[in-house]
Amino acid sequence: MRKRNNKIEFYLNDKEFKRLEKQAGKSKLSRSELLRSLIMNCSAKEPPPLDYPVLIERLKIIGRNINQITIRVNATGYFLKEEYEKNVKLYFEILYSIQEIVNAPEKKCE
């Protein structure tokens, strides 16, 4: 049985319709779901443009770089501070960007 029994029909001009289509596409919602979320004062948030496999691969590369620096320090006693700091900085930038997206507050819809 249908949860929503009240049908509403209304008209949009071409500009309004294109905007609705664009917002629905960005949010990965159907037009109906998008309109319902807007009526309930929920923001139709576009999913994060994250490619997790790419970020994970970048973190692995940075980890390997840091490991190579550590091996070199243990073998030679020579430490490249700038190279180490650059890799650690990149690592934490990526990590914080992932955390910001994952921990972003979402408005609950009723």
PDB file of N, CA and C in Angstrom:
ATOM      1  N   MET A   1       0.832  -1.181   0.000  1.00  0.00           N
ATOM      2  CA  MET A   1       0.000   0.000   0.000  1.00  0.00           C
ATOM      3  C   MET A   1       0.880   1.249   0.000  1.00  0.00           C
ATOM      4  N   ARG A   2       0.427   2.253  -0.672  1.00  0.00           N
ATOM      5  CA  ARG A   2       1.132   3.512  -0.831  1.00  0.00           C
ATOM      6  C   ARG A   2       1.159   4.279   0.494  1.00  0.00           C
ATOM      7  N   LYS A   3       2.360   4.817   0.854  1.00  0.00           N
ATOM      8  CA  LYS A   3       2.484   5.620   2.075  1.00  0.00           C
ATOM      9  C   LYS A   3       1.948   7.030   1.881  1.00  0.00           C
ATOM     10  N   ARG A   4       2.086   7.529   0.692  1.00  0.00           N
ATOM     11  CA  ARG A   4       1.693   8.904   0.395  1.00  0.00           C
ATOM     12  C   ARG A   4       0.478   8.877  -0.533  1.00  0.00           C
ATOM     13  N   ASN A   5      -0.645   9.298  -0.012  1.00  0.00           N
ATOM     14  CA  ASN A   5      -1.891   9.220  -0.773  1.00  0.00           C
ATOM     15  C   ASN A   5      -2.321  10.543  -1.394  1.00  0.00           C
ATOM     16  N   ASN A   6      -1.643  11.620  -1.078  1.00  0.00           N
ATOM     17  CA  ASN A   6      -2.038  12.946  -1.560  1.00  0.00           C
ATOM     18  C   ASN A   6      -1.164  13.367  -2.738  1.00  0.00           C
ATOM     19  N   LYS A   7      -1.767  13.504  -3.868  1.00  0.00           N
ATOM     20  CA  LYS A   7      -1.046  13.877  -5.080  1.00  0.00           C
ATOM     21  C   LYS A   7      -1.171  15.384  -5.280  1.00  0.00           C
ATOM     22  N   ILE A   8      -0.050  16.020  -5.583  1.00  0.00           N
ATOM     23  CA  ILE A   8      -0.027  17.453  -5.872  1.00  0.00           C
ATOM     24  C   ILE A   8       0.581  17.625  -7.257  1.00  0.00           C
ATOM     25  N   GLU A   9      -0.078  18.390  -8.065  1.00  0.00           N
ATOM     26  CA  GLU A   9       0.416  18.643  -9.412  1.00  0.00           C
ATOM     27  C   GLU A   9       0.676  20.142  -9.546  1.00  0.00           C
ATOM     28  N   PHE A  10       1.858  20.508 -10.022  1.00  0.00           N
ATOM     29  CA  PHE A  10       2.139  21.913 -10.267  1.00  0.00           C
ATOM     30  C   PHE A  10       3.091  22.026 -11.448  1.00  0.00           C
ATOM     31  N   TYR A  11       3.251  23.243 -11.938  1.00  0.00           N
ATOM     32  CA  TYR A  11       4.009  23.471 -13.157  1.00  0.00           C
ATOM     33  C   TYR A  11       5.253  24.300 -12.876  1.00  0.00           C
ATOM     34  N   LEU A  12       6.310  23.999 -13.638  1.00  0.00           N
ATOM     35  CA  LEU A  12       7.561  24.736 -13.573  1.00  0.00           C
ATOM     36  C   LEU A  12       7.904  25.238 -14.964  1.00  0.00           C
ATOM     37  N   ASN A  13       8.564  26.386 -15.013  1.00  0.00           N
ATOM     38  CA  ASN A  13       9.067  26.822 -16.310  1.00  0.00           C
ATOM     39  C   ASN A  13      10.359  26.055 -16.605  1.00  0.00           C
ATOM     40  N   ASP A  14      10.924  26.240 -17.783  1.00  0.00           N
ATOM     41  CA  ASP A  14      12.107  25.477 -18.187  1.00  0.00           C
ATOM     42  C   ASP A  14      13.282  25.702 -17.243  1.00  0.00           C
ATOM     43  N   LYS A  15      13.488  26.942 -16.829  1.00  0.00           N
ATOM     44  CA  LYS A  15      14.605  27.272 -15.939  1.00  0.00           C
ATOM     45  C   LYS A  15      14.439  26.578 -14.583  1.00  0.00           C
ATOM     46  N   GLU A  16      13.253  26.624 -14.028  1.00  0.00           N
ATOM     47  CA  GLU A  16      12.978  25.986 -12.744  1.00  0.00           C
ATOM     48  C   GLU A  16      13.136  24.467 -12.840  1.00  0.00           C
ATOM     49  N   PHE A  17      12.641  23.904 -13.934  1.00  0.00           N
ATOM     50  CA  PHE A  17      12.723  22.458 -14.118  1.00  0.00           C
ATOM     51  C   PHE A  17      14.183  22.000 -14.241  1.00  0.00           C
ATOM     52  N   LYS A  18      14.985  22.763 -15.010  1.00  0.00           N
ATOM     53  CA  LYS A  18      16.406  22.418 -15.163  1.00  0.00           C
ATOM     54  C   LYS A  18      17.124  22.482 -13.819  1.00  0.00           C
ATOM     55  N   ARG A  19      16.761  23.483 -13.017  1.00  0.00           N
ATOM     56  CA  ARG A  19      17.381  23.605 -11.694  1.00  0.00           C
ATOM     57  C   ARG A  19      16.982  22.430 -10.792  1.00  0.00           C
ATOM     58  N   LEU A  20      15.715  22.046 -10.837  1.00  0.00           N
ATOM     59  CA  LEU A  20      15.249  20.897 -10.071  1.00  0.00           C
ATOM     60  C   LEU A  20      15.996  19.632 -10.498  1.00  0.00           C
ATOM     61  N   GLU A  21      16.114  19.430 -11.780  1.00  0.00           N
ATOM     62  CA  GLU A  21      16.832  18.266 -12.305  1.00  0.00           C
ATOM     63  C   GLU A  21      18.296  18.277 -11.853  1.00  0.00           C
ATOM     64  N   LYS A  22      18.929  19.436 -11.921  1.00  0.00           N
ATOM     65  CA  LYS A  22      20.336  19.559 -11.543  1.00  0.00           C
ATOM     66  C   LYS A  22      20.519  19.241 -10.061  1.00  0.00           C
ATOM     67  N   GLN A  23      19.652  19.817  -9.205  1.00  0.00           N
ATOM     68  CA  GLN A  23      19.767  19.574  -7.768  1.00  0.00           C
ATOM     69  C   GLN A  23      19.466  18.118  -7.421  1.00  0.00           C
ATOM     70  N   ALA A  24      18.496  17.541  -8.090  1.00  0.00           N
ATOM     71  CA  ALA A  24      18.170  16.136  -7.849  1.00  0.00           C
ATOM     72  C   ALA A  24      19.354  15.247  -8.254  1.00  0.00           C
ATOM     73  N   GLY A  25      19.967  15.562  -9.380  1.00  0.00           N
ATOM     74  CA  GLY A  25      21.130  14.788  -9.830  1.00  0.00           C
ATOM     75  C   GLY A  25      22.303  14.898  -8.879  1.00  0.00           C
ATOM     76  N   LYS A  26      22.577  16.101  -8.403  1.00  0.00           N
ATOM     77  CA  LYS A  26      23.693  16.305  -7.486  1.00  0.00           C
ATOM     78  C   LYS A  26      23.475  15.591  -6.161  1.00  0.00           C
ATOM     79  N   SER A  27      22.243  15.609  -5.683  1.00  0.00           N
ATOM     80  CA  SER A  27      21.955  15.019  -4.375  1.00  0.00           C
ATOM     81  C   SER A  27      21.698  13.521  -4.459  1.00  0.00           C
ATOM     82  N   LYS A  28      21.627  12.985  -5.673  1.00  0.00           N
ATOM     83  CA  LYS A  28      21.344  11.564  -5.904  1.00  0.00           C
ATOM     84  C   LYS A  28      19.959  11.180  -5.382  1.00  0.00           C
ATOM     85  N   LEU A  29      19.030  12.132  -5.395  1.00  0.00           N
ATOM     86  CA  LEU A  29      17.648  11.889  -4.986  1.00  0.00           C
ATOM     87  C   LEU A  29      16.742  12.003  -6.204  1.00  0.00           C
ATOM     88  N   SER A  30      15.594  11.371  -6.127  1.00  0.00           N
ATOM     89  CA  SER A  30      14.602  11.583  -7.183  1.00  0.00           C
ATOM     90  C   SER A  30      14.009  12.973  -7.000  1.00  0.00           C
ATOM     91  N   ARG A  31      13.308  13.462  -8.000  1.00  0.00           N
ATOM     92  CA  ARG A  31      12.669  14.780  -7.880  1.00  0.00           C
ATOM     93  C   ARG A  31      11.689  14.796  -6.709  1.00  0.00           C
ATOM     94  N   SER A  32      10.918  13.733  -6.568  1.00  0.00           N
ATOM     95  CA  SER A  32       9.947  13.651  -5.470  1.00  0.00           C
ATOM     96  C   SER A  32      10.642  13.675  -4.107  1.00  0.00           C
ATOM     97  N   GLU A  33      11.703  12.891  -3.971  1.00  0.00           N
ATOM     98  CA  GLU A  33      12.434  12.852  -2.699  1.00  0.00           C
ATOM     99  C   GLU A  33      13.049  14.211  -2.381  1.00  0.00           C
ATOM    100  N   LEU A  34      13.587  14.869  -3.403  1.00  0.00           N
ATOM    101  CA  LEU A  34      14.176  16.190  -3.208  1.00  0.00           C
ATOM    102  C   LEU A  34      13.120  17.195  -2.744  1.00  0.00           C
ATOM    103  N   LEU A  35      11.982  17.216  -3.417  1.00  0.00           N
ATOM    104  CA  LEU A  35      10.924  18.158  -3.037  1.00  0.00           C
ATOM    105  C   LEU A  35      10.404  17.867  -1.634  1.00  0.00           C
ATOM    106  N   ARG A  36      10.247  16.592  -1.284  1.00  0.00           N
ATOM    107  CA  ARG A  36       9.799  16.252   0.069  1.00  0.00           C
ATOM    108  C   ARG A  36      10.817  16.705   1.110  1.00  0.00           C
ATOM    109  N   SER A  37      12.095  16.511   0.825  1.00  0.00           N
ATOM    110  CA  SER A  37      13.118  16.922   1.794  1.00  0.00           C
ATOM    111  C   SER A  37      13.121  18.440   1.964  1.00  0.00           C
ATOM    112  N   LEU A  38      12.900  19.183   0.884  1.00  0.00           N
ATOM    113  CA  LEU A  38      12.855  20.640   0.982  1.00  0.00           C
ATOM    114  C   LEU A  38      11.625  21.110   1.761  1.00  0.00           C
ATOM    115  N   ILE A  39      10.497  20.439   1.565  1.00  0.00           N
ATOM    116  CA  ILE A  39       9.278  20.781   2.302  1.00  0.00           C
ATOM    117  C   ILE A  39       9.485  20.563   3.800  1.00  0.00           C
ATOM    118  N   MET A  40      10.233  19.536   4.160  1.00  0.00           N
ATOM    119  CA  MET A  40      10.453  19.204   5.571  1.00  0.00           C
ATOM    120  C   MET A  40      11.640  19.971   6.158  1.00  0.00           C
ATOM    121  N   ASN A  41      12.109  21.007   5.457  1.00  0.00           N
ATOM    122  CA  ASN A  41      13.238  21.842   5.894  1.00  0.00           C
ATOM    123  C   ASN A  41      14.532  21.064   6.048  1.00  0.00           C
ATOM    124  N   CYS A  42      14.701  20.059   5.233  1.00  0.00           N
ATOM    125  CA  CYS A  42      15.941  19.295   5.225  1.00  0.00           C
ATOM    126  C   CYS A  42      16.749  19.738   4.015  1.00  0.00           C
ATOM    127  N   SER A  43      18.032  19.880   4.222  1.00  0.00           N
ATOM    128  CA  SER A  43      18.854  20.249   3.086  1.00  0.00           C
ATOM    129  C   SER A  43      19.168  18.998   2.276  1.00  0.00           C
ATOM    130  N   ALA A  44      19.038  19.122   0.994  1.00  0.00           N
ATOM    131  CA  ALA A  44      19.382  18.015   0.099  1.00  0.00           C
ATOM    132  C   ALA A  44      20.867  18.147  -0.193  1.00  0.00           C
ATOM    133  N   LYS A  45      21.651  17.519   0.644  1.00  0.00           N
ATOM    134  CA  LYS A  45      23.095  17.646   0.564  1.00  0.00           C
ATOM    135  C   LYS A  45      23.653  16.755  -0.534  1.00  0.00           C
ATOM    136  N   GLU A  46      24.486  17.344  -1.331  1.00  0.00           N
ATOM    137  CA  GLU A  46      25.150  16.595  -2.396  1.00  0.00           C
ATOM    138  C   GLU A  46      26.177  15.660  -1.763  1.00  0.00           C
ATOM    139  N   PRO A  47      26.255  14.413  -2.206  1.00  0.00           N
ATOM    140  CA  PRO A  47      27.230  13.493  -1.618  1.00  0.00           C
ATOM    141  C   PRO A  47      28.657  13.991  -1.835  1.00  0.00           C
ATOM    142  N   PRO A  48      29.541  13.677  -0.931  1.00  0.00           N
ATOM    143  CA  PRO A  48      30.912  14.186  -1.053  1.00  0.00           C
ATOM    144  C   PRO A  48      31.587  13.680  -2.317  1.00  0.00           C
ATOM    145  N   PRO A  49      32.331  14.561  -2.963  1.00  0.00           N
ATOM    146  CA  PRO A  49      33.035  14.149  -4.182  1.00  0.00           C
ATOM    147  C   PRO A  49      34.330  13.431  -3.835  1.00  0.00           C
ATOM    148  N   LEU A  50      34.193  12.379  -3.052  1.00  0.00           N
ATOM    149  CA  LEU A  50      35.370  11.651  -2.601  1.00  0.00           C
ATOM    150  C   LEU A  50      35.539  10.367  -3.381  1.00  0.00           C
ATOM    151  N   ASP A  51      36.756  10.103  -3.737  1.00  0.00           N
ATOM    152  CA  ASP A  51      37.080   8.828  -4.336  1.00  0.00           C
ATOM    153  C   ASP A  51      37.978   8.118  -3.327  1.00  0.00           C
ATOM    154  N   TYR A  52      37.356   7.376  -2.421  1.00  0.00           N
ATOM    155  CA  TYR A  52      38.083   6.749  -1.326  1.00  0.00           C
ATOM    156  C   TYR A  52      39.269   5.902  -1.784  1.00  0.00           C
ATOM    157  N   PRO A  53      39.135   5.082  -2.823  1.00  0.00           N
ATOM    158  CA  PRO A  53      40.305   4.294  -3.234  1.00  0.00           C
ATOM    159  C   PRO A  53      41.513   5.165  -3.598  1.00  0.00           C
ATOM    160  N   VAL A  54      41.271   6.313  -4.234  1.00  0.00           N
ATOM    161  CA  VAL A  54      42.373   7.199  -4.597  1.00  0.00           C
ATOM    162  C   VAL A  54      43.016   7.780  -3.341  1.00  0.00           C
ATOM    163  N   LEU A  55      42.194   8.213  -2.387  1.00  0.00           N
ATOM    164  CA  LEU A  55      42.731   8.773  -1.144  1.00  0.00           C
ATOM    165  C   LEU A  55      43.495   7.720  -0.350  1.00  0.00           C
ATOM    166  N   ILE A  56      42.965   6.522  -0.297  1.00  0.00           N
ATOM    167  CA  ILE A  56      43.644   5.443   0.421  1.00  0.00           C
ATOM    168  C   ILE A  56      44.992   5.145  -0.237  1.00  0.00           C
ATOM    169  N   GLU A  57      45.012   5.139  -1.558  1.00  0.00           N
ATOM    170  CA  GLU A  57      46.278   4.887  -2.270  1.00  0.00           C
ATOM    171  C   GLU A  57      47.290   5.991  -1.979  1.00  0.00           C
ATOM    172  N   ARG A  58      46.816   7.251  -1.946  1.00  0.00           N
ATOM    173  CA  ARG A  58      47.725   8.367  -1.613  1.00  0.00           C
ATOM    174  C   ARG A  58      48.280   8.212  -0.204  1.00  0.00           C
ATOM    175  N   LEU A  59      47.430   7.802   0.735  1.00  0.00           N
ATOM    176  CA  LEU A  59      47.896   7.597   2.112  1.00  0.00           C
ATOM    177  C   LEU A  59      48.926   6.463   2.170  1.00  0.00           C
ATOM    178  N   LYS A  60      48.720   5.399   1.383  1.00  0.00           N
ATOM    179  CA  LYS A  60      49.684   4.296   1.348  1.00  0.00           C
ATOM    180  C   LYS A  60      51.038   4.770   0.810  1.00  0.00           C
ATOM    181  N   ILE A  61      51.010   5.578  -0.235  1.00  0.00           N
ATOM    182  CA  ILE A  61      52.254   6.093  -0.825  1.00  0.00           C
ATOM    183  C   ILE A  61      53.000   6.946   0.194  1.00  0.00           C
ATOM    184  N   ILE A  62      52.268   7.824   0.880  1.00  0.00           N
ATOM    185  CA  ILE A  62      52.887   8.681   1.888  1.00  0.00           C
ATOM    186  C   ILE A  62      53.456   7.820   3.017  1.00  0.00           C
ATOM    187  N   GLY A  63      52.708   6.798   3.435  1.00  0.00           N
ATOM    188  CA  GLY A  63      53.196   5.884   4.470  1.00  0.00           C
ATOM    189  C   GLY A  63      54.479   5.187   4.053  1.00  0.00           C
ATOM    190  N   ARG A  64      54.537   4.755   2.791  1.00  0.00           N
ATOM    191  CA  ARG A  64      55.764   4.116   2.294  1.00  0.00           C
ATOM    192  C   ARG A  64      56.931   5.104   2.294  1.00  0.00           C
ATOM    193  N   ASN A  65      56.656   6.355   1.899  1.00  0.00           N
ATOM    194  CA  ASN A  65      57.708   7.377   1.917  1.00  0.00           C
ATOM    195  C   ASN A  65      58.255   7.582   3.326  1.00  0.00           C
ATOM    196  N   ILE A  66      57.357   7.670   4.302  1.00  0.00           N
ATOM    197  CA  ILE A  66      57.781   7.856   5.692  1.00  0.00           C
ATOM    198  C   ILE A  66      58.575   6.636   6.163  1.00  0.00           C
ATOM    199  N   ASN A  67      58.144   5.442   5.762  1.00  0.00           N
ATOM    200  CA  ASN A  67      58.864   4.222   6.123  1.00  0.00           C
ATOM    201  C   ASN A  67      60.264   4.213   5.518  1.00  0.00           C
ATOM    202  N   GLN A  68      60.400   4.646   4.269  1.00  0.00           N
ATOM    203  CA  GLN A  68      61.718   4.694   3.630  1.00  0.00           C
ATOM    204  C   GLN A  68      62.634   5.685   4.330  1.00  0.00           C
ATOM    205  N   ILE A  69      62.059   6.805   4.766  1.00  0.00           N
ATOM    206  CA  ILE A  69      62.854   7.786   5.507  1.00  0.00           C
ATOM    207  C   ILE A  69      63.358   7.166   6.809  1.00  0.00           C
ATOM    208  N   THR A  70      62.489   6.429   7.484  1.00  0.00           N
ATOM    209  CA  THR A  70      62.864   5.775   8.736  1.00  0.00           C
ATOM    210  C   THR A  70      63.964   4.745   8.513  1.00  0.00           C
ATOM    211  N   ILE A  71      63.844   3.958   7.461  1.00  0.00           N
ATOM    212  CA  ILE A  71      64.871   2.954   7.137  1.00  0.00           C
ATOM    213  C   ILE A  71      66.206   3.644   6.867  1.00  0.00           C
ATOM    214  N   ARG A  72      66.167   4.744   6.103  1.00  0.00           N
ATOM    215  CA  ARG A  72      67.390   5.482   5.782  1.00  0.00           C
ATOM    216  C   ARG A  72      68.041   6.044   7.050  1.00  0.00           C
ATOM    217  N   VAL A  73      67.218   6.570   7.954  1.00  0.00           N
ATOM    218  CA  VAL A  73      67.751   7.120   9.209  1.00  0.00           C
ATOM    219  C   VAL A  73      68.409   6.014  10.028  1.00  0.00           C
ATOM    220  N   ASN A  74      67.754   4.857  10.110  1.00  0.00           N
ATOM    221  CA  ASN A  74      68.333   3.746  10.874  1.00  0.00           C
ATOM    222  C   ASN A  74      69.619   3.225  10.250  1.00  0.00           C
ATOM    223  N   ALA A  75      69.707   3.240   8.928  1.00  0.00           N
ATOM    224  CA  ALA A  75      70.886   2.699   8.240  1.00  0.00           C
ATOM    225  C   ALA A  75      72.053   3.674   8.244  1.00  0.00           C
ATOM    226  N   THR A  76      71.743   4.958   8.040  1.00  0.00           N
ATOM    227  CA  THR A  76      72.832   5.931   7.863  1.00  0.00           C
ATOM    228  C   THR A  76      72.969   6.917   9.015  1.00  0.00           C
ATOM    229  N   GLY A  77      71.926   7.079   9.785  1.00  0.00           N
ATOM    230  CA  GLY A  77      71.951   8.087  10.845  1.00  0.00           C
ATOM    231  C   GLY A  77      71.682   9.480  10.305  1.00  0.00           C
ATOM    232  N   TYR A  78      71.375   9.566   8.994  1.00  0.00           N
ATOM    233  CA  TYR A  78      71.126  10.857   8.344  1.00  0.00           C
ATOM    234  C   TYR A  78      69.619  11.065   8.214  1.00  0.00           C
ATOM    235  N   PHE A  79      69.116  12.198   8.704  1.00  0.00           N
ATOM    236  CA  PHE A  79      67.677  12.466   8.736  1.00  0.00           C
ATOM    237  C   PHE A  79      67.341  13.669   7.861  1.00  0.00           C
ATOM    238  N   LEU A  80      66.448  13.478   6.883  1.00  0.00           N
ATOM    239  CA  LEU A  80      66.000  14.576   6.022  1.00  0.00           C
ATOM    240  C   LEU A  80      64.713  15.161   6.612  1.00  0.00           C
ATOM    241  N   LYS A  81      64.887  16.150   7.458  1.00  0.00           N
ATOM    242  CA  LYS A  81      63.767  16.731   8.192  1.00  0.00           C
ATOM    243  C   LYS A  81      62.698  17.297   7.263  1.00  0.00           C
ATOM    244  N   GLU A  82      63.105  18.019   6.204  1.00  0.00           N
ATOM    245  CA  GLU A  82      62.152  18.648   5.290  1.00  0.00           C
ATOM    246  C   GLU A  82      61.292  17.606   4.572  1.00  0.00           C
ATOM    247  N   GLU A  83      61.920  16.537   4.118  1.00  0.00           N
ATOM    248  CA  GLU A  83      61.198  15.477   3.407  1.00  0.00           C
ATOM    249  C   GLU A  83      60.194  14.802   4.347  1.00  0.00           C
ATOM    250  N   TYR A  84      60.631  14.539   5.565  1.00  0.00           N
ATOM    251  CA  TYR A  84      59.753  13.908   6.551  1.00  0.00           C
ATOM    252  C   TYR A  84      58.570  14.818   6.872  1.00  0.00           C
ATOM    253  N   GLU A  85      58.829  16.098   7.136  1.00  0.00           N
ATOM    254  CA  GLU A  85      57.764  17.042   7.482  1.00  0.00           C
ATOM    255  C   GLU A  85      56.768  17.199   6.336  1.00  0.00           C
ATOM    256  N   LYS A  86      57.259  17.219   5.098  1.00  0.00           N
ATOM    257  CA  LYS A  86      56.378  17.339   3.936  1.00  0.00           C
ATOM    258  C   LYS A  86      55.421  16.151   3.855  1.00  0.00           C
ATOM    259  N   ASN A  87      55.936  14.946   4.040  1.00  0.00           N
ATOM    260  CA  ASN A  87      55.101  13.744   3.973  1.00  0.00           C
ATOM    261  C   ASN A  87      54.109  13.667   5.123  1.00  0.00           C
ATOM    262  N   VAL A  88      54.528  14.037   6.310  1.00  0.00           N
ATOM    263  CA  VAL A  88      53.617  14.012   7.454  1.00  0.00           C
ATOM    264  C   VAL A  88      52.524  15.051   7.263  1.00  0.00           C
ATOM    265  N   LYS A  89      52.884  16.225   6.761  1.00  0.00           N
ATOM    266  CA  LYS A  89      51.891  17.280   6.514  1.00  0.00           C
ATOM    267  C   LYS A  89      50.850  16.804   5.495  1.00  0.00           C
ATOM    268  N   LEU A  90      51.285  16.196   4.389  1.00  0.00           N
ATOM    269  CA  LEU A  90      50.367  15.666   3.380  1.00  0.00           C
ATOM    270  C   LEU A  90      49.452  14.597   3.976  1.00  0.00           C
ATOM    271  N   TYR A  91      50.021  13.731   4.774  1.00  0.00           N
ATOM    272  CA  TYR A  91      49.254  12.660   5.399  1.00  0.00           C
ATOM    273  C   TYR A  91      48.118  13.235   6.243  1.00  0.00           C
ATOM    274  N   PHE A  92      48.436  14.201   7.091  1.00  0.00           N
ATOM    275  CA  PHE A  92      47.415  14.758   7.974  1.00  0.00           C
ATOM    276  C   PHE A  92      46.410  15.625   7.215  1.00  0.00           C
ATOM    277  N   GLU A  93      46.808  16.286   6.146  1.00  0.00           N
ATOM    278  CA  GLU A  93      45.853  17.048   5.334  1.00  0.00           C
ATOM    279  C   GLU A  93      44.780  16.120   4.758  1.00  0.00           C
ATOM    280  N   ILE A  94      45.216  14.996   4.211  1.00  0.00           N
ATOM    281  CA  ILE A  94      44.263  14.037   3.644  1.00  0.00           C
ATOM    282  C   ILE A  94      43.394  13.444   4.746  1.00  0.00           C
ATOM    283  N   LEU A  95      44.007  13.077   5.841  1.00  0.00           N
ATOM    284  CA  LEU A  95      43.266  12.494   6.957  1.00  0.00           C
ATOM    285  C   LEU A  95      42.210  13.465   7.486  1.00  0.00           C
ATOM    286  N   TYR A  96      42.562  14.734   7.665  1.00  0.00           N
ATOM    287  CA  TYR A  96      41.605  15.719   8.171  1.00  0.00           C
ATOM    288  C   TYR A  96      40.488  15.987   7.167  1.00  0.00           C
ATOM    289  N   SER A  97      40.804  15.985   5.875  1.00  0.00           N
ATOM    290  CA  SER A  97      39.752  16.211   4.878  1.00  0.00           C
ATOM    291  C   SER A  97      38.738  15.062   4.897  1.00  0.00           C
ATOM    292  N   ILE A  98      39.210  13.845   5.096  1.00  0.00           N
ATOM    293  CA  ILE A  98      38.303  12.700   5.196  1.00  0.00           C
ATOM    294  C   ILE A  98      37.456  12.823   6.454  1.00  0.00           C
ATOM    295  N   GLN A  99      38.076  13.190   7.570  1.00  0.00           N
ATOM    296  CA  GLN A  99      37.346  13.317   8.841  1.00  0.00           C
ATOM    297  C   GLN A  99      36.281  14.410   8.774  1.00  0.00           C
ATOM    298  N   GLU A 100      36.577  15.524   8.119  1.00  0.00           N
ATOM    299  CA  GLU A 100      35.605  16.613   7.996  1.00  0.00           C
ATOM    300  C   GLU A 100      34.360  16.145   7.257  1.00  0.00           C
ATOM    301  N   ILE A 101      34.569  15.394   6.195  1.00  0.00           N
ATOM    302  CA  ILE A 101      33.432  14.925   5.396  1.00  0.00           C
ATOM    303  C   ILE A 101      32.645  13.864   6.153  1.00  0.00           C
ATOM    304  N   VAL A 102      33.341  12.940   6.775  1.00  0.00           N
ATOM    305  CA  VAL A 102      32.670  11.862   7.492  1.00  0.00           C
ATOM    306  C   VAL A 102      31.901  12.405   8.701  1.00  0.00           C
ATOM    307  N   ASN A 103      32.457  13.398   9.382  1.00  0.00           N
ATOM    308  CA  ASN A 103      31.844  13.909  10.603  1.00  0.00           C
ATOM    309  C   ASN A 103      30.940  15.115  10.377  1.00  0.00           C
ATOM    310  N   ALA A 104      30.666  15.479   9.122  1.00  0.00           N
ATOM    311  CA  ALA A 104      29.797  16.623   8.847  1.00  0.00           C
ATOM    312  C   ALA A 104      28.396  16.340   9.377  1.00  0.00           C
ATOM    313  N   PRO A 105      27.838  17.296  10.131  1.00  0.00           N
ATOM    314  CA  PRO A 105      26.498  17.051  10.680  1.00  0.00           C
ATOM    315  C   PRO A 105      25.450  17.029   9.582  1.00  0.00           C
ATOM    316  N   GLU A 106      24.520  16.127   9.732  1.00  0.00           N
ATOM    317  CA  GLU A 106      23.407  16.037   8.785  1.00  0.00           C
ATOM    318  C   GLU A 106      22.125  16.403   9.512  1.00  0.00           C
ATOM    319  N   LYS A 107      21.270  17.126   8.824  1.00  0.00           N
ATOM    320  CA  LYS A 107      19.991  17.486   9.402  1.00  0.00           C
ATOM    321  C   LYS A 107      19.035  16.324   9.198  1.00  0.00           C
ATOM    322  N   LYS A 108      18.452  15.872  10.287  1.00  0.00           N
ATOM    323  CA  LYS A 108      17.519  14.742  10.218  1.00  0.00           C
ATOM    324  C   LYS A 108      16.178  15.201   9.675  1.00  0.00           C
ATOM    325  N   CYS A 109      15.606  14.420   8.806  1.00  0.00           N
ATOM    326  CA  CYS A 109      14.281  14.703   8.250  1.00  0.00           C
ATOM    327  C   CYS A 109      13.230  13.955   9.058  1.00  0.00           C
ATOM    328  N   GLU A 110      12.097  14.567   9.184  1.00  0.00           N
ATOM    329  CA  GLU A 110      10.987  13.926   9.907  1.00  0.00           C
ATOM    330  C   GLU A 110      10.077  13.209   8.945  1.00  0.00           C
TER     331      GLU A 110
END
